[in-house]
PDB file of N, CA and C in Angstrom:
ATOM      1  N   UNK A   1     190.276 125.739  45.845  1.00  0.00           N
ATOM      2  CA  UNK A   1     190.466 126.844  44.743  1.00  0.00           C
ATOM      3  C   UNK A   1     189.035 127.414  44.520  1.00  0.00           C
ATOM      4  N   UNK A   2     188.820 128.626  44.538  1.00  0.00           N
ATOM      5  CA  UNK A   2     187.735 129.315  44.295  1.00  0.00           C
ATOM      6  C   UNK A   2     187.175 129.140  42.851  1.00  0.00           C
ATOM      7  N   UNK A   3     185.971 128.765  42.655  1.00  0.00           N
ATOM      8  CA  UNK A   3     185.540 128.448  41.146  1.00  0.00           C
ATOM      9  C   UNK A   3     185.157 129.871  40.427  1.00  0.00           C
ATOM     10  N   UNK A   4     185.544 131.051  40.780  1.00  0.00           N
ATOM     11  CA  UNK A   4     185.350 132.292  40.582  1.00  0.00           C
ATOM     12  C   UNK A   4     186.546 132.908  39.972  1.00  0.00           C
ATOM     13  N   UNK A   5     186.479 132.259  38.322  1.00  0.00           N
ATOM     14  CA  UNK A   5     187.667 132.538  37.358  1.00  0.00           C
ATOM     15  C   UNK A   5     187.520 133.915  37.072  1.00  0.00           C
ATOM     16  N   UNK A   6     188.475 134.936  37.375  1.00  0.00           N
ATOM     17  CA  UNK A   6     188.611 136.082  36.761  1.00  0.00           C
ATOM     18  C   UNK A   6     189.331 136.201  35.314  1.00  0.00           C
ATOM     19  N   UNK A   7     189.353 137.336  34.560  1.00  0.00           N
ATOM     20  CA  UNK A   7     189.727 137.247  33.399  1.00  0.00           C
ATOM     21  C   UNK A   7     191.027 138.276  33.202  1.00  0.00           C
ATOM     22  N   UNK A   8     191.756 138.937  34.265  1.00  0.00           N
ATOM     23  CA  UNK A   8     192.635 139.759  33.933  1.00  0.00           C
ATOM     24  C   UNK A   8     193.948 139.296  33.446  1.00  0.00           C
ATOM     25  N   UNK A   9     194.199 137.999  33.417  1.00  0.00           N
ATOM     26  CA  UNK A   9     195.188 137.216  32.909  1.00  0.00           C
ATOM     27  C   UNK A   9     194.916 136.192  31.893  1.00  0.00           C
ATOM     28  N   UNK A  10     193.786 136.565  31.129  1.00  0.00           N
ATOM     29  CA  UNK A  10     193.374 135.618  30.152  1.00  0.00           C
ATOM     30  C   UNK A  10     194.027 135.757  29.123  1.00  0.00           C
ATOM     31  N   UNK A  11     194.565 134.596  28.290  1.00  0.00           N
ATOM     32  CA  UNK A  11     195.465 134.738  27.180  1.00  0.00           C
ATOM     33  C   UNK A  11     196.802 134.800  27.632  1.00  0.00           C
ATOM     34  N   UNK A  12     197.048 134.500  28.935  1.00  0.00           N
ATOM     35  CA  UNK A  12     198.478 134.512  29.145  1.00  0.00           C
ATOM     36  C   UNK A  12     198.899 133.226  29.935  1.00  0.00           C
ATOM     37  N   UNK A  13     200.150 132.815  29.799  1.00  0.00           N
ATOM     38  CA  UNK A  13     200.555 131.549  30.521  1.00  0.00           C
ATOM     39  C   UNK A  13     201.533 131.917  31.446  1.00  0.00           C
ATOM     40  N   UNK A  14     201.236 131.301  32.523  1.00  0.00           N
ATOM     41  CA  UNK A  14     202.208 131.280  33.633  1.00  0.00           C
ATOM     42  C   UNK A  14     203.022 129.981  33.915  1.00  0.00           C
ATOM     43  N   UNK A  15     204.507 130.133  33.855  1.00  0.00           N
ATOM     44  CA  UNK A  15     205.177 129.077  34.290  1.00  0.00           C
ATOM     45  C   UNK A  15     205.745 129.045  35.711  1.00  0.00           C
ATOM     46  N   UNK A  16     205.333 128.117  36.375  1.00  0.00           N
ATOM     47  CA  UNK A  16     205.720 128.302  37.865  1.00  0.00           C
ATOM     48  C   UNK A  16     206.646 126.912  38.250  1.00  0.00           C
ATOM     49  N   UNK A  17     207.880 127.259  38.490  1.00  0.00           N
ATOM     50  CA  UNK A  17     208.750 126.365  39.174  1.00  0.00           C
ATOM     51  C   UNK A  17     208.463 125.776  40.117  1.00  0.00           C
ATOM     52  N   UNK A  18     208.523 124.632  40.677  1.00  0.00           N
ATOM     53  CA  UNK A  18     207.919 124.311  42.161  1.00  0.00           C
ATOM     54  C   UNK A  18     206.808 124.378  42.764  1.00  0.00           C
ATOM     55  N   UNK A  19     205.715 124.207  41.456  1.00  0.00           N
ATOM     56  CA  UNK A  19     204.343 124.433  41.663  1.00  0.00           C
ATOM     57  C   UNK A  19     203.519 123.490  42.385  1.00  0.00           C
ATOM     58  N   UNK A  20     203.875 122.513  43.088  1.00  0.00           N
ATOM     59  CA  UNK A  20     203.480 121.208  43.353  1.00  0.00           C
ATOM     60  C   UNK A  20     202.782 121.383  44.865  1.00  0.00           C
ATOM     61  N   UNK A  21     203.629 122.402  45.601  1.00  0.00           N
ATOM     62  CA  UNK A  21     203.299 122.200  47.181  1.00  0.00           C
ATOM     63  C   UNK A  21     203.621 123.782  47.484  1.00  0.00           C
ATOM     64  N   UNK A  22     203.032 124.055  48.566  1.00  0.00           N
ATOM     65  CA  UNK A  22     203.441 125.193  49.588  1.00  0.00           C
ATOM     66  C   UNK A  22     203.167 126.380  48.632  1.00  0.00           C
ATOM     67  N   UNK A  23     203.921 127.529  48.774  1.00  0.00           N
ATOM     68  CA  UNK A  23     203.963 128.611  47.901  1.00  0.00           C
ATOM     69  C   UNK A  23     203.624 128.692  46.472  1.00  0.00           C
ATOM     70  N   UNK A  24     204.608 127.444  46.023  1.00  0.00           N
ATOM     71  CA  UNK A  24     204.408 127.490  44.483  1.00  0.00           C
ATOM     72  C   UNK A  24     202.980 127.047  44.103  1.00  0.00           C
ATOM     73  N   UNK A  25     202.459 126.110  44.708  1.00  0.00           N
ATOM     74  CA  UNK A  25     200.999 125.694  44.561  1.00  0.00           C
ATOM     75  C   UNK A  25     199.931 126.899  44.689  1.00  0.00           C
ATOM     76  N   UNK A  26     200.197 127.721  45.898  1.00  0.00           N
ATOM     77  CA  UNK A  26     199.408 128.762  46.166  1.00  0.00           C
ATOM     78  C   UNK A  26     199.490 129.772  44.912  1.00  0.00           C
ATOM     79  N   UNK A  27     200.419 129.813  44.478  1.00  0.00           N
ATOM     80  CA  UNK A  27     200.995 131.177  43.249  1.00  0.00           C
ATOM     81  C   UNK A  27     200.086 130.195  42.024  1.00  0.00           C
ATOM     82  N   UNK A  28     200.353 129.219  41.975  1.00  0.00           N
ATOM     83  CA  UNK A  28     199.948 128.590  40.805  1.00  0.00           C
ATOM     84  C   UNK A  28     198.393 128.795  40.471  1.00  0.00           C
ATOM     85  N   UNK A  29     197.964 128.479  41.899  1.00  0.00           N
ATOM     86  CA  UNK A  29     195.987 128.606  41.892  1.00  0.00           C
ATOM     87  C   UNK A  29     195.588 129.975  41.784  1.00  0.00           C
ATOM     88  N   UNK A  30     196.397 130.915  42.409  1.00  0.00           N
ATOM     89  CA  UNK A  30     196.062 132.475  42.204  1.00  0.00           C
ATOM     90  C   UNK A  30     196.320 132.912  40.811  1.00  0.00           C
ATOM     91  N   UNK A  31     197.078 132.545  40.077  1.00  0.00           N
ATOM     92  CA  UNK A  31     197.455 132.750  38.750  1.00  0.00           C
ATOM     93  C   UNK A  31     196.402 132.218  37.911  1.00  0.00           C
ATOM     94  N   UNK A  32     195.747 131.120  37.984  1.00  0.00           N
ATOM     95  CA  UNK A  32     194.946 130.524  37.385  1.00  0.00           C
ATOM     96  C   UNK A  32     193.498 131.135  37.830  1.00  0.00           C
ATOM     97  N   UNK A  33     193.365 131.436  38.973  1.00  0.00           N
ATOM     98  CA  UNK A  33     192.193 132.249  39.273  1.00  0.00           C
ATOM     99  C   UNK A  33     192.020 133.503  38.502  1.00  0.00           C
ATOM    100  N   UNK A  34     193.264 133.964  38.218  1.00  0.00           N
ATOM    101  CA  UNK A  34     193.060 135.510  37.556  1.00  0.00           C
ATOM    102  C   UNK A  34     193.047 135.288  36.074  1.00  0.00           C
ATOM    103  N   UNK A  35     192.953 133.970  35.824  1.00  0.00           N
ATOM    104  CA  UNK A  35     192.364 133.626  34.257  1.00  0.00           C
ATOM    105  C   UNK A  35     193.603 133.114  33.391  1.00  0.00           C
ATOM    106  N   UNK A  36     194.909 132.979  33.919  1.00  0.00           N
ATOM    107  CA  UNK A  36     196.015 132.650  33.177  1.00  0.00           C
ATOM    108  C   UNK A  36     196.132 130.886  33.112  1.00  0.00           C
ATOM    109  N   UNK A  37     196.559 130.485  31.939  1.00  0.00           N
ATOM    110  CA  UNK A  37     196.816 129.123  31.935  1.00  0.00           C
ATOM    111  C   UNK A  37     198.096 128.712  32.596  1.00  0.00           C
ATOM    112  N   UNK A  38     198.262 127.805  33.336  1.00  0.00           N
ATOM    113  CA  UNK A  38     199.596 127.134  34.119  1.00  0.00           C
ATOM    114  C   UNK A  38     200.001 126.031  33.828  1.00  0.00           C
ATOM    115  N   UNK A  39     201.443 126.332  33.683  1.00  0.00           N
ATOM    116  CA  UNK A  39     202.322 125.274  33.335  1.00  0.00           C
ATOM    117  C   UNK A  39     203.170 125.125  34.694  1.00  0.00           C
ATOM    118  N   UNK A  40     203.185 123.972  35.395  1.00  0.00           N
ATOM    119  CA  UNK A  40     204.144 124.001  36.610  1.00  0.00           C
ATOM    120  C   UNK A  40     204.814 123.066  36.827  1.00  0.00           C
ATOM    121  N   UNK A  41     205.995 122.950  37.211  1.00  0.00           N
ATOM    122  CA  UNK A  41     207.030 121.927  37.338  1.00  0.00           C
ATOM    123  C   UNK A  41     206.973 121.293  38.917  1.00  0.00           C
ATOM    124  N   UNK A  42     207.562 119.886  39.101  1.00  0.00           N
ATOM    125  CA  UNK A  42     207.515 119.321  40.435  1.00  0.00           C
ATOM    126  C   UNK A  42     208.858 119.003  40.006  1.00  0.00           C
ATOM    127  N   UNK A  43     209.481 118.333  41.304  1.00  0.00           N
ATOM    128  CA  UNK A  43     210.709 117.551  41.567  1.00  0.00           C
ATOM    129  C   UNK A  43     210.448 116.214  41.929  1.00  0.00           C
ATOM    130  N   UNK A  44     209.687 116.067  42.926  1.00  0.00           N
ATOM    131  CA  UNK A  44     209.528 114.732  43.803  1.00  0.00           C
ATOM    132  C   UNK A  44     208.088 114.356  44.078  1.00  0.00           C
ATOM    133  N   UNK A  45     207.183 115.042  43.552  1.00  0.00           N
ATOM    134  CA  UNK A  45     205.870 115.066  44.102  1.00  0.00           C
ATOM    135  C   UNK A  45     204.838 115.055  42.642  1.00  0.00           C
ATOM    136  N   UNK A  46     204.543 113.874  42.126  1.00  0.00           N
ATOM    137  CA  UNK A  46     203.648 114.103  40.955  1.00  0.00           C
ATOM    138  C   UNK A  46     202.588 113.918  41.304  1.00  0.00           C
ATOM    139  N   UNK A  47     202.142 113.267  42.536  1.00  0.00           N
ATOM    140  CA  UNK A  47     200.581 113.164  43.122  1.00  0.00           C
ATOM    141  C   UNK A  47     200.236 114.568  43.489  1.00  0.00           C
ATOM    142  N   UNK A  48     201.193 115.311  44.195  1.00  0.00           N
ATOM    143  CA  UNK A  48     200.983 116.818  44.786  1.00  0.00           C
ATOM    144  C   UNK A  48     200.608 117.593  43.359  1.00  0.00           C
ATOM    145  N   UNK A  49     201.413 117.540  42.315  1.00  0.00           N
ATOM    146  CA  UNK A  49     201.176 118.403  41.243  1.00  0.00           C
ATOM    147  C   UNK A  49     200.193 118.189  40.416  1.00  0.00           C
ATOM    148  N   UNK A  50     199.517 116.859  40.642  1.00  0.00           N
ATOM    149  CA  UNK A  50     198.387 116.225  39.832  1.00  0.00           C
ATOM    150  C   UNK A  50     197.189 117.073  40.531  1.00  0.00           C
ATOM    151  N   UNK A  51     197.508 117.025  41.786  1.00  0.00           N
ATOM    152  CA  UNK A  51     196.439 117.327  42.644  1.00  0.00           C
ATOM    153  C   UNK A  51     196.176 118.931  42.474  1.00  0.00           C
ATOM    154  N   UNK A  52     197.330 119.677  42.297  1.00  0.00           N
ATOM    155  CA  UNK A  52     197.299 121.026  41.982  1.00  0.00           C
ATOM    156  C   UNK A  52     196.386 121.308  40.638  1.00  0.00           C
ATOM    157  N   UNK A  53     196.841 120.463  39.760  1.00  0.00           N
ATOM    158  CA  UNK A  53     196.277 120.660  38.183  1.00  0.00           C
ATOM    159  C   UNK A  53     194.657 120.202  38.263  1.00  0.00           C
ATOM    160  N   UNK A  54     194.378 119.526  38.906  1.00  0.00           N
ATOM    161  CA  UNK A  54     192.863 118.753  39.255  1.00  0.00           C
ATOM    162  C   UNK A  54     192.285 120.223  39.844  1.00  0.00           C
ATOM    163  N   UNK A  55     192.784 120.719  40.851  1.00  0.00           N
ATOM    164  CA  UNK A  55     192.370 121.935  41.570  1.00  0.00           C
ATOM    165  C   UNK A  55     192.119 122.989  40.634  1.00  0.00           C
ATOM    166  N   UNK A  56     193.067 123.256  39.712  1.00  0.00           N
ATOM    167  CA  UNK A  56     192.819 124.563  38.727  1.00  0.00           C
ATOM    168  C   UNK A  56     191.929 124.078  37.590  1.00  0.00           C
ATOM    169  N   UNK A  57     191.763 122.662  37.077  1.00  0.00           N
ATOM    170  CA  UNK A  57     190.885 122.628  36.309  1.00  0.00           C
ATOM    171  C   UNK A  57     189.410 122.431  36.478  1.00  0.00           C
ATOM    172  N   UNK A  58     189.049 121.799  37.849  1.00  0.00           N
ATOM    173  CA  UNK A  58     188.067 121.728  38.494  1.00  0.00           C
ATOM    174  C   UNK A  58     187.237 123.109  38.495  1.00  0.00           C
ATOM    175  N   UNK A  59     188.065 124.000  38.889  1.00  0.00           N
ATOM    176  CA  UNK A  59     187.500 125.492  38.805  1.00  0.00           C
ATOM    177  C   UNK A  59     187.328 126.170  37.266  1.00  0.00           C
ATOM    178  N   UNK A  60     187.326 125.429  36.483  1.00  0.00           N
ATOM    179  CA  UNK A  60     187.520 125.946  34.916  1.00  0.00           C
ATOM    180  C   UNK A  60     188.833 126.589  34.576  1.00  0.00           C
ATOM    181  N   UNK A  61     189.745 126.300  35.210  1.00  0.00           N
ATOM    182  CA  UNK A  61     191.081 126.887  34.451  1.00  0.00           C
ATOM    183  C   UNK A  61     191.816 125.935  33.713  1.00  0.00           C
ATOM    184  N   UNK A  62     192.975 126.281  33.333  1.00  0.00           N
ATOM    185  CA  UNK A  62     194.039 125.384  32.323  1.00  0.00           C
ATOM    186  C   UNK A  62     194.936 125.090  33.120  1.00  0.00           C
ATOM    187  N   UNK A  63     195.622 123.811  33.321  1.00  0.00           N
ATOM    188  CA  UNK A  63     196.780 123.641  33.803  1.00  0.00           C
ATOM    189  C   UNK A  63     197.511 122.534  33.382  1.00  0.00           C
ATOM    190  N   UNK A  64     198.933 122.396  33.536  1.00  0.00           N
ATOM    191  CA  UNK A  64     199.724 121.041  33.174  1.00  0.00           C
ATOM    192  C   UNK A  64     200.566 120.859  33.927  1.00  0.00           C
ATOM    193  N   UNK A  65     201.295 119.832  34.142  1.00  0.00           N
ATOM    194  CA  UNK A  65     202.432 119.653  35.030  1.00  0.00           C
ATOM    195  C   UNK A  65     203.363 118.810  34.649  1.00  0.00           C
ATOM    196  N   UNK A  66     204.769 119.230  34.873  1.00  0.00           N
ATOM    197  CA  UNK A  66     205.894 118.137  34.120  1.00  0.00           C
ATOM    198  C   UNK A  66     206.876 118.248  35.391  1.00  0.00           C
ATOM    199  N   UNK A  67     207.129 117.092  35.354  1.00  0.00           N
ATOM    200  CA  UNK A  67     208.372 116.399  36.443  1.00  0.00           C
ATOM    201  C   UNK A  67     209.824 117.102  35.867  1.00  0.00           C
ATOM    202  N   UNK A  68     210.676 117.598  36.689  1.00  0.00           N
ATOM    203  CA  UNK A  68     211.943 117.951  36.377  1.00  0.00           C
ATOM    204  C   UNK A  68     212.114 118.661  34.979  1.00  0.00           C
ATOM    205  N   UNK A  69     211.138 119.380  34.687  1.00  0.00           N
ATOM    206  CA  UNK A  69     211.202 120.168  33.325  1.00  0.00           C
ATOM    207  C   UNK A  69     212.209 121.398  33.542  1.00  0.00           C
ATOM    208  N   UNK A  70     213.019 121.789  32.430  1.00  0.00           N
ATOM    209  CA  UNK A  70     213.734 122.945  32.545  1.00  0.00           C
ATOM    210  C   UNK A  70     212.544 124.196  32.120  1.00  0.00           C
ATOM    211  N   UNK A  71     212.806 125.441  32.510  1.00  0.00           N
ATOM    212  CA  UNK A  71     212.009 126.277  31.992  1.00  0.00           C
ATOM    213  C   UNK A  71     211.623 126.347  30.632  1.00  0.00           C
ATOM    214  N   UNK A  72     212.563 126.041  29.769  1.00  0.00           N
ATOM    215  CA  UNK A  72     212.643 126.166  28.186  1.00  0.00           C
ATOM    216  C   UNK A  72     211.738 125.013  27.894  1.00  0.00           C
ATOM    217  N   UNK A  73     211.912 123.730  28.380  1.00  0.00           N
ATOM    218  CA  UNK A  73     210.816 122.578  27.960  1.00  0.00           C
ATOM    219  C   UNK A  73     209.555 122.905  28.378  1.00  0.00           C
ATOM    220  N   UNK A  74     209.251 123.577  29.646  1.00  0.00           N
ATOM    221  CA  UNK A  74     208.022 123.688  30.181  1.00  0.00           C
ATOM    222  C   UNK A  74     207.358 124.933  29.320  1.00  0.00           C
ATOM    223  N   UNK A  75     207.984 125.980  28.735  1.00  0.00           N
ATOM    224  CA  UNK A  75     207.687 126.689  28.166  1.00  0.00           C
ATOM    225  C   UNK A  75     207.265 126.137  26.618  1.00  0.00           C
ATOM    226  N   UNK A  76     207.944 125.399  25.956  1.00  0.00           N
ATOM    227  CA  UNK A  76     207.621 124.755  24.797  1.00  0.00           C
ATOM    228  C   UNK A  76     206.307 123.762  24.998  1.00  0.00           C
ATOM    229  N   UNK A  77     206.451 123.034  25.892  1.00  0.00           N
ATOM    230  CA  UNK A  77     205.110 122.286  26.176  1.00  0.00           C
ATOM    231  C   UNK A  77     203.847 122.856  26.419  1.00  0.00           C
ATOM    232  N   UNK A  78     204.076 124.311  27.122  1.00  0.00           N
ATOM    233  CA  UNK A  78     202.871 125.140  27.083  1.00  0.00           C
ATOM    234  C   UNK A  78     202.411 125.692  25.827  1.00  0.00           C
ATOM    235  N   UNK A  79     203.212 125.827  24.851  1.00  0.00           N
ATOM    236  CA  UNK A  79     203.265 126.423  24.075  1.00  0.00           C
ATOM    237  C   UNK A  79     202.340 125.546  22.946  1.00  0.00           C
ATOM    238  N   UNK A  80     202.891 124.596  22.855  1.00  0.00           N
ATOM    239  CA  UNK A  80     202.186 123.448  22.381  1.00  0.00           C
ATOM    240  C   UNK A  80     200.678 123.296  22.861  1.00  0.00           C
ATOM    241  N   UNK A  81     200.357 123.365  23.915  1.00  0.00           N
ATOM    242  CA  UNK A  81     199.024 122.992  24.559  1.00  0.00           C
ATOM    243  C   UNK A  81     197.929 124.335  24.475  1.00  0.00           C
ATOM    244  N   UNK A  82     198.703 125.819  24.512  1.00  0.00           N
ATOM    245  CA  UNK A  82     198.119 126.935  24.699  1.00  0.00           C
ATOM    246  C   UNK A  82     198.519 127.969  23.543  1.00  0.00           C
ATOM    247  N   UNK A  83     199.057 127.551  22.688  1.00  0.00           N
ATOM    248  CA  UNK A  83     199.465 128.432  21.616  1.00  0.00           C
ATOM    249  C   UNK A  83     200.477 129.704  21.953  1.00  0.00           C
ATOM    250  N   UNK A  84     200.194 130.538  21.290  1.00  0.00           N
ATOM    251  CA  UNK A  84     201.269 132.022  21.062  1.00  0.00           C
ATOM    252  C   UNK A  84     201.486 132.409  22.465  1.00  0.00           C
ATOM    253  N   UNK A  85     200.504 132.473  23.200  1.00  0.00           N
ATOM    254  CA  UNK A  85     200.323 132.960  24.555  1.00  0.00           C
ATOM    255  C   UNK A  85     201.728 132.505  25.505  1.00  0.00           C
ATOM    256  N   UNK A  86     202.205 131.256  25.157  1.00  0.00           N
ATOM    257  CA  UNK A  86     203.307 130.706  25.693  1.00  0.00           C
ATOM    258  C   UNK A  86     204.954 131.171  25.580  1.00  0.00           C
ATOM    259  N   UNK A  87     204.842 131.893  24.407  1.00  0.00           N
ATOM    260  CA  UNK A  87     205.973 131.960  23.788  1.00  0.00           C
ATOM    261  C   UNK A  87     206.855 133.181  24.876  1.00  0.00           C
ATOM    262  N   UNK A  88     208.138 132.707  25.115  1.00  0.00           N
ATOM    263  CA  UNK A  88     208.869 133.438  26.034  1.00  0.00           C
ATOM    264  C   UNK A  88     208.711 134.816  25.449  1.00  0.00           C
ATOM    265  N   UNK A  89     208.886 135.927  26.225  1.00  0.00           N
ATOM    266  CA  UNK A  89     209.240 137.316  25.804  1.00  0.00           C
ATOM    267  C   UNK A  89     210.277 138.268  26.281  1.00  0.00           C
ATOM    268  N   UNK A  90     211.302 137.262  26.772  1.00  0.00           N
ATOM    269  CA  UNK A  90     212.559 138.052  27.153  1.00  0.00           C
ATOM    270  C   UNK A  90     213.723 137.831  26.105  1.00  0.00           C
ATOM    271  N   UNK A  91     214.755 138.327  26.525  1.00  0.00           N
ATOM    272  CA  UNK A  91     215.980 138.425  25.773  1.00  0.00           C
ATOM    273  C   UNK A  91     216.959 137.466  26.629  1.00  0.00           C
ATOM    274  N   UNK A  92     217.652 136.389  25.981  1.00  0.00           N
ATOM    275  CA  UNK A  92     218.695 135.890  26.471  1.00  0.00           C
ATOM    276  C   UNK A  92     219.861 136.614  26.533  1.00  0.00           C
ATOM    277  N   UNK A  93     220.326 136.933  27.397  1.00  0.00           N
ATOM    278  CA  UNK A  93     221.561 138.060  27.381  1.00  0.00           C
ATOM    279  C   UNK A  93     222.716 137.161  27.698  1.00  0.00           C
ATOM    280  N   UNK A  94     222.626 135.897  28.061  1.00  0.00           N
ATOM    281  CA  UNK A  94     223.829 135.196  28.156  1.00  0.00           C
ATOM    282  C   UNK A  94     224.169 134.078  27.198  1.00  0.00           C
ATOM    283  N   UNK A  95     223.485 134.332  25.891  1.00  0.00           N
ATOM    284  CA  UNK A  95     223.866 133.415  24.884  1.00  0.00           C
ATOM    285  C   UNK A  95     223.134 132.124  24.948  1.00  0.00           C
TER     286      UNK A  95
END
């Protein structure tokens, strides 16, 4: 990952499901490069998730990983780590 962190997503938190490999890992790294704090989930590869987190933090970004987390759990965890920026800004239309 490039160490050239931009700030266009500074103050934002990105929740990436399946962020430990492939396209998900690439998206997580790109969002971090653009300044977002990244919270990612993984289902079967904690080592790969840790690798993505290390890559992001080594470049000066913020990241955390949780295995088999729901989006709600991940959002709450990100909120504890990164503050108000992680609060969901959507409406639950399904109750």
